[in-house]
Amino acid sequence: MKRATLATMSLPQEPRISDAPASAPNPPSTLNRFFGGRPLVVLFRLALLSVLVGFILRVLGLDPFDIIRSIRELFQAIWDMGYEAFERLWRYFVLGAVLVVPIWLIVRLVRAPRGR
């Protein structure tokens, strides 16, 4: 009798994984990829950042028209003085790079994939 009961008993079966493919998340739309996220959120962040940078520039005594006038004067100086103006251009480049490169590096490090 014991043999009969052992034969009829079966081992527990492993749970079956369905053959149907798992539903993959929808790929981001072209607009989301272009903006790097949901467009309204990105636009809000850009607006907030613009206000912050504008405030800082105003505290420093800079005006957007001063910047535009300075750029126009730079091109005029390049035209009038020749190669001396390239030194001025280099100074503008270095001044901008002091801010742009660290910000770019921080953004790249924050957005780096984790766990790889």
N, C-alpha and C. Protein backbone atom coordinates (compact mmCIF):
# COMPACT_ATOMS: atom_id res chain seq x y z
N MET A 1 0.80 -1.19 0.00
CA MET A 1 0.00 0.00 0.00
C MET A 1 0.85 1.27 0.00
N LYS A 2 1.94 1.15 0.70
CA LYS A 2 2.78 2.32 0.73
C LYS A 2 3.32 2.64 -0.65
N ARG A 3 3.60 1.58 -1.41
CA ARG A 3 4.09 1.83 -2.75
C ARG A 3 3.05 2.55 -3.60
N ALA A 4 1.84 2.22 -3.46
CA ALA A 4 0.77 2.83 -4.25
C ALA A 4 0.61 4.30 -3.88
N THR A 5 0.70 4.59 -2.59
CA THR A 5 0.53 5.98 -2.18
C THR A 5 1.74 6.81 -2.61
N LEU A 6 2.93 6.22 -2.59
CA LEU A 6 4.10 6.96 -3.03
C LEU A 6 4.05 7.22 -4.52
N ALA A 7 3.51 6.28 -5.28
CA ALA A 7 3.44 6.45 -6.72
C ALA A 7 2.43 7.52 -7.10
N THR A 8 1.35 7.61 -6.35
CA THR A 8 0.32 8.58 -6.68
C THR A 8 0.69 9.98 -6.21
N MET A 9 1.58 10.07 -5.25
CA MET A 9 2.00 11.39 -4.78
C MET A 9 2.96 11.99 -5.81
N SER A 10 2.85 13.24 -6.02
CA SER A 10 3.75 13.89 -6.98
C SER A 10 4.54 14.97 -6.26
N LEU A 11 5.66 15.27 -6.85
CA LEU A 11 6.50 16.32 -6.30
C LEU A 11 5.87 17.68 -6.61
N PRO A 12 6.12 18.67 -5.78
CA PRO A 12 5.57 20.00 -6.08
C PRO A 12 6.18 20.53 -7.38
N GLN A 13 5.34 21.11 -8.17
CA GLN A 13 5.80 21.63 -9.45
C GLN A 13 6.21 23.09 -9.30
N GLU A 14 7.19 23.48 -10.13
CA GLU A 14 7.63 24.87 -10.14
C GLU A 14 6.55 25.73 -10.81
N PRO A 15 6.41 26.95 -10.37
CA PRO A 15 5.42 27.81 -11.03
C PRO A 15 5.83 28.06 -12.48
N ARG A 16 4.84 28.06 -13.34
CA ARG A 16 5.11 28.23 -14.76
C ARG A 16 5.18 29.72 -15.10
N ILE A 17 6.12 30.00 -15.96
CA ILE A 17 6.23 31.36 -16.47
C ILE A 17 5.50 31.37 -17.80
N SER A 18 4.60 32.33 -17.97
CA SER A 18 3.80 32.33 -19.19
C SER A 18 4.71 32.61 -20.38
N ASP A 19 4.31 32.03 -21.48
CA ASP A 19 5.07 32.21 -22.71
C ASP A 19 4.82 33.57 -23.34
N ALA A 20 3.81 34.28 -22.87
CA ALA A 20 3.50 35.60 -23.45
C ALA A 20 4.57 36.59 -23.03
N PRO A 21 5.01 37.44 -23.94
CA PRO A 21 6.03 38.42 -23.58
C PRO A 21 5.49 39.43 -22.57
N ALA A 22 6.37 39.84 -21.69
CA ALA A 22 5.98 40.84 -20.69
C ALA A 22 5.74 42.16 -21.40
N SER A 23 4.77 42.89 -20.90
CA SER A 23 4.47 44.16 -21.55
C SER A 23 5.57 45.16 -21.23
N ALA A 24 6.25 45.60 -22.27
CA ALA A 24 7.33 46.56 -22.10
C ALA A 24 6.74 47.96 -21.97
N PRO A 25 7.39 48.82 -21.18
CA PRO A 25 6.87 50.18 -21.06
C PRO A 25 6.95 50.88 -22.41
N ASN A 26 6.01 51.79 -22.64
CA ASN A 26 6.01 52.52 -23.90
C ASN A 26 7.26 53.38 -24.00
N PRO A 27 7.90 53.38 -25.16
CA PRO A 27 9.08 54.24 -25.32
C PRO A 27 8.65 55.71 -25.26
N PRO A 28 9.52 56.58 -24.79
CA PRO A 28 9.15 57.99 -24.69
C PRO A 28 8.89 58.58 -26.07
N SER A 29 7.97 59.51 -26.12
CA SER A 29 7.65 60.14 -27.40
C SER A 29 8.82 61.01 -27.86
N THR A 30 8.74 61.42 -29.11
CA THR A 30 9.79 62.26 -29.67
C THR A 30 9.91 63.57 -28.91
N LEU A 31 8.76 64.12 -28.54
CA LEU A 31 8.76 65.38 -27.79
C LEU A 31 9.42 65.19 -26.43
N ASN A 32 9.11 64.09 -25.74
CA ASN A 32 9.73 63.82 -24.44
C ASN A 32 11.24 63.62 -24.58
N ARG A 33 11.66 62.93 -25.64
CA ARG A 33 13.09 62.74 -25.85
C ARG A 33 13.79 64.05 -26.17
N PHE A 34 13.13 64.91 -26.95
CA PHE A 34 13.72 66.19 -27.30
C PHE A 34 13.91 67.06 -26.07
N PHE A 35 12.90 67.11 -25.22
CA PHE A 35 12.97 67.94 -24.02
C PHE A 35 13.75 67.28 -22.89
N GLY A 36 13.91 65.96 -22.93
CA GLY A 36 14.61 65.26 -21.86
C GLY A 36 13.69 64.97 -20.70
N GLY A 37 12.41 64.92 -20.93
CA GLY A 37 11.41 64.68 -19.90
C GLY A 37 10.07 65.23 -20.38
N ARG A 38 9.12 65.29 -19.46
CA ARG A 38 7.81 65.84 -19.82
C ARG A 38 7.97 67.32 -20.13
N PRO A 39 7.46 67.77 -21.28
CA PRO A 39 7.69 69.15 -21.73
C PRO A 39 7.29 70.22 -20.72
N LEU A 40 6.14 70.08 -20.08
CA LEU A 40 5.71 71.12 -19.13
C LEU A 40 6.64 71.20 -17.93
N VAL A 41 7.10 70.06 -17.47
CA VAL A 41 8.02 70.04 -16.33
C VAL A 41 9.35 70.69 -16.72
N VAL A 42 9.84 70.36 -17.90
CA VAL A 42 11.11 70.92 -18.37
C VAL A 42 10.98 72.43 -18.56
N LEU A 43 9.87 72.88 -19.16
CA LEU A 43 9.67 74.31 -19.35
C LEU A 43 9.56 75.04 -18.02
N PHE A 44 8.91 74.42 -17.04
CA PHE A 44 8.81 75.03 -15.71
C PHE A 44 10.20 75.15 -15.08
N ARG A 45 10.99 74.09 -15.19
CA ARG A 45 12.36 74.14 -14.63
C ARG A 45 13.20 75.19 -15.32
N LEU A 46 13.08 75.30 -16.64
CA LEU A 46 13.83 76.31 -17.38
C LEU A 46 13.40 77.71 -16.97
N ALA A 47 12.11 77.91 -16.77
CA ALA A 47 11.61 79.22 -16.34
C ALA A 47 12.15 79.56 -14.95
N LEU A 48 12.12 78.59 -14.05
CA LEU A 48 12.62 78.81 -12.70
C LEU A 48 14.12 79.11 -12.72
N LEU A 49 14.86 78.36 -13.50
CA LEU A 49 16.30 78.58 -13.61
C LEU A 49 16.59 79.94 -14.24
N SER A 50 15.79 80.34 -15.22
CA SER A 50 15.98 81.64 -15.85
C SER A 50 15.76 82.78 -14.86
N VAL A 51 14.73 82.65 -14.02
CA VAL A 51 14.49 83.68 -13.01
C VAL A 51 15.66 83.74 -12.03
N LEU A 52 16.16 82.58 -11.61
CA LEU A 52 17.27 82.54 -10.67
C LEU A 52 18.53 83.16 -11.27
N VAL A 53 18.87 82.78 -12.50
CA VAL A 53 20.06 83.33 -13.15
C VAL A 53 19.87 84.82 -13.40
N GLY A 54 18.66 85.23 -13.80
CA GLY A 54 18.38 86.64 -14.01
C GLY A 54 18.56 87.45 -12.74
N PHE A 55 18.11 86.90 -11.61
CA PHE A 55 18.28 87.57 -10.32
C PHE A 55 19.75 87.73 -9.99
N ILE A 56 20.52 86.66 -10.19
CA ILE A 56 21.96 86.70 -9.88
C ILE A 56 22.66 87.72 -10.78
N LEU A 57 22.32 87.72 -12.07
CA LEU A 57 22.95 88.68 -12.98
C LEU A 57 22.57 90.12 -12.62
N ARG A 58 21.34 90.31 -12.18
CA ARG A 58 20.90 91.66 -11.79
C ARG A 58 21.65 92.11 -10.54
N VAL A 59 21.85 91.19 -9.58
CA VAL A 59 22.60 91.53 -8.38
C VAL A 59 24.03 91.91 -8.74
N LEU A 60 24.57 91.24 -9.74
CA LEU A 60 25.92 91.55 -10.20
C LEU A 60 25.98 92.82 -11.05
N GLY A 61 24.81 93.40 -11.33
CA GLY A 61 24.77 94.64 -12.08
C GLY A 61 24.77 94.45 -13.59
N LEU A 62 24.47 93.26 -14.04
CA LEU A 62 24.44 93.00 -15.48
C LEU A 62 23.01 93.14 -16.01
N ASP A 63 22.92 93.58 -17.23
CA ASP A 63 21.64 93.77 -17.90
C ASP A 63 21.71 93.03 -19.23
N PRO A 64 20.62 92.39 -19.68
CA PRO A 64 20.68 91.69 -20.96
C PRO A 64 21.13 92.59 -22.11
N PHE A 65 20.72 93.85 -22.08
CA PHE A 65 21.13 94.76 -23.14
C PHE A 65 22.62 95.07 -23.06
N ASP A 66 23.18 95.05 -21.85
CA ASP A 66 24.63 95.22 -21.71
C ASP A 66 25.36 94.06 -22.37
N ILE A 67 24.83 92.85 -22.18
CA ILE A 67 25.46 91.67 -22.76
C ILE A 67 25.38 91.74 -24.29
N ILE A 68 24.22 92.11 -24.82
CA ILE A 68 24.06 92.21 -26.27
C ILE A 68 24.96 93.31 -26.83
N ARG A 69 25.01 94.44 -26.14
CA ARG A 69 25.88 95.53 -26.58
C ARG A 69 27.34 95.10 -26.55
N SER A 70 27.71 94.35 -25.51
CA SER A 70 29.08 93.88 -25.39
C SER A 70 29.44 92.93 -26.52
N ILE A 71 28.52 92.06 -26.90
CA ILE A 71 28.77 91.13 -28.01
C ILE A 71 28.91 91.91 -29.32
N ARG A 72 28.04 92.89 -29.50
CA ARG A 72 28.13 93.72 -30.71
C ARG A 72 29.47 94.48 -30.76
N GLU A 73 29.88 95.00 -29.61
CA GLU A 73 31.16 95.70 -29.55
C GLU A 73 32.33 94.75 -29.81
N LEU A 74 32.19 93.51 -29.37
CA LEU A 74 33.23 92.52 -29.63
C LEU A 74 33.41 92.30 -31.13
N PHE A 75 32.30 92.10 -31.83
CA PHE A 75 32.39 91.90 -33.28
C PHE A 75 32.91 93.15 -33.98
N GLN A 76 32.51 94.30 -33.50
CA GLN A 76 33.02 95.55 -34.07
C GLN A 76 34.52 95.67 -33.84
N ALA A 77 34.95 95.26 -32.63
CA ALA A 77 36.38 95.32 -32.31
C ALA A 77 37.17 94.33 -33.17
N ILE A 78 36.59 93.16 -33.42
CA ILE A 78 37.26 92.18 -34.29
C ILE A 78 37.43 92.78 -35.69
N TRP A 79 36.40 93.45 -36.15
CA TRP A 79 36.46 94.05 -37.48
C TRP A 79 37.46 95.20 -37.53
N ASP A 80 37.44 96.03 -36.48
CA ASP A 80 38.28 97.24 -36.48
C ASP A 80 39.74 96.95 -36.14
N MET A 81 39.98 96.13 -35.15
CA MET A 81 41.34 95.97 -34.64
C MET A 81 42.07 94.75 -35.18
N GLY A 82 41.36 93.87 -35.78
CA GLY A 82 42.03 92.69 -36.30
C GLY A 82 42.25 91.65 -35.21
N TYR A 83 43.48 91.13 -35.12
CA TYR A 83 43.75 89.98 -34.26
C TYR A 83 43.80 90.32 -32.77
N GLU A 84 43.91 91.57 -32.40
CA GLU A 84 43.90 91.93 -30.98
C GLU A 84 42.58 91.52 -30.33
N ALA A 85 41.53 91.56 -31.09
CA ALA A 85 40.22 91.24 -30.55
C ALA A 85 40.09 89.75 -30.21
N PHE A 86 40.91 88.91 -30.83
CA PHE A 86 40.85 87.49 -30.49
C PHE A 86 41.26 87.25 -29.04
N GLU A 87 42.11 88.09 -28.50
CA GLU A 87 42.45 87.99 -27.08
C GLU A 87 41.21 88.27 -26.25
N ARG A 88 40.44 89.26 -26.66
CA ARG A 88 39.18 89.56 -25.97
C ARG A 88 38.22 88.39 -26.07
N LEU A 89 38.12 87.82 -27.26
CA LEU A 89 37.26 86.66 -27.46
C LEU A 89 37.69 85.51 -26.57
N TRP A 90 38.99 85.29 -26.44
CA TRP A 90 39.52 84.24 -25.57
C TRP A 90 39.11 84.48 -24.12
N ARG A 91 39.17 85.74 -23.68
CA ARG A 91 38.78 86.06 -22.30
C ARG A 91 37.30 85.76 -22.08
N TYR A 92 36.47 86.10 -23.06
CA TYR A 92 35.04 85.77 -22.94
C TYR A 92 34.82 84.26 -22.89
N PHE A 93 35.58 83.55 -23.71
CA PHE A 93 35.47 82.09 -23.73
C PHE A 93 35.82 81.51 -22.36
N VAL A 94 36.94 81.95 -21.80
CA VAL A 94 37.38 81.42 -20.51
C VAL A 94 36.39 81.80 -19.41
N LEU A 95 35.90 83.02 -19.45
CA LEU A 95 34.92 83.46 -18.46
C LEU A 95 33.66 82.61 -18.51
N GLY A 96 33.18 82.34 -19.70
CA GLY A 96 31.99 81.50 -19.85
C GLY A 96 32.26 80.05 -19.49
N ALA A 97 33.43 79.55 -19.86
CA ALA A 97 33.76 78.15 -19.59
C ALA A 97 33.89 77.88 -18.09
N VAL A 98 34.26 78.90 -17.33
CA VAL A 98 34.37 78.72 -15.88
C VAL A 98 33.02 78.34 -15.29
N LEU A 99 31.94 78.81 -15.89
CA LEU A 99 30.60 78.46 -15.41
C LEU A 99 30.02 77.27 -16.15
N VAL A 100 30.16 77.24 -17.46
CA VAL A 100 29.48 76.25 -18.27
C VAL A 100 30.04 74.84 -18.06
N VAL A 101 31.34 74.69 -18.05
CA VAL A 101 31.94 73.35 -17.95
C VAL A 101 31.62 72.67 -16.62
N PRO A 102 31.75 73.33 -15.46
CA PRO A 102 31.37 72.65 -14.22
C PRO A 102 29.88 72.29 -14.16
N ILE A 103 29.02 73.17 -14.68
CA ILE A 103 27.59 72.87 -14.69
C ILE A 103 27.32 71.67 -15.58
N TRP A 104 27.96 71.63 -16.74
CA TRP A 104 27.79 70.50 -17.64
C TRP A 104 28.27 69.21 -16.98
N LEU A 105 29.40 69.27 -16.31
CA LEU A 105 29.96 68.09 -15.65
C LEU A 105 29.03 67.60 -14.54
N ILE A 106 28.50 68.51 -13.77
CA ILE A 106 27.58 68.13 -12.69
C ILE A 106 26.33 67.47 -13.26
N VAL A 107 25.77 68.05 -14.34
CA VAL A 107 24.58 67.48 -14.96
C VAL A 107 24.88 66.08 -15.48
N ARG A 108 26.03 65.89 -16.11
CA ARG A 108 26.39 64.57 -16.63
C ARG A 108 26.55 63.55 -15.50
N LEU A 109 27.15 63.98 -14.38
CA LEU A 109 27.33 63.06 -13.27
C LEU A 109 26.01 62.71 -12.60
N VAL A 110 25.12 63.67 -12.51
CA VAL A 110 23.81 63.41 -11.89
C VAL A 110 22.98 62.48 -12.75
N ARG A 111 23.10 62.62 -14.06
CA ARG A 111 22.30 61.79 -14.98
C ARG A 111 23.00 60.50 -15.37
N ALA A 112 24.16 60.20 -14.79
CA ALA A 112 24.89 58.99 -15.13
C ALA A 112 24.09 57.76 -14.68
N PRO A 113 24.12 56.69 -15.48
CA PRO A 113 23.41 55.47 -15.07
C PRO A 113 24.02 54.89 -13.80
N ARG A 114 23.15 54.43 -12.94
CA ARG A 114 23.61 53.89 -11.66
C ARG A 114 23.57 52.38 -11.68
N GLY A 115 24.47 51.76 -10.96
CA GLY A 115 24.45 50.32 -10.79
C GLY A 115 25.11 49.53 -11.91
N ARG A 116 25.87 50.19 -12.73
CA ARG A 116 26.54 49.45 -13.84
C ARG A 116 28.01 49.45 -13.63
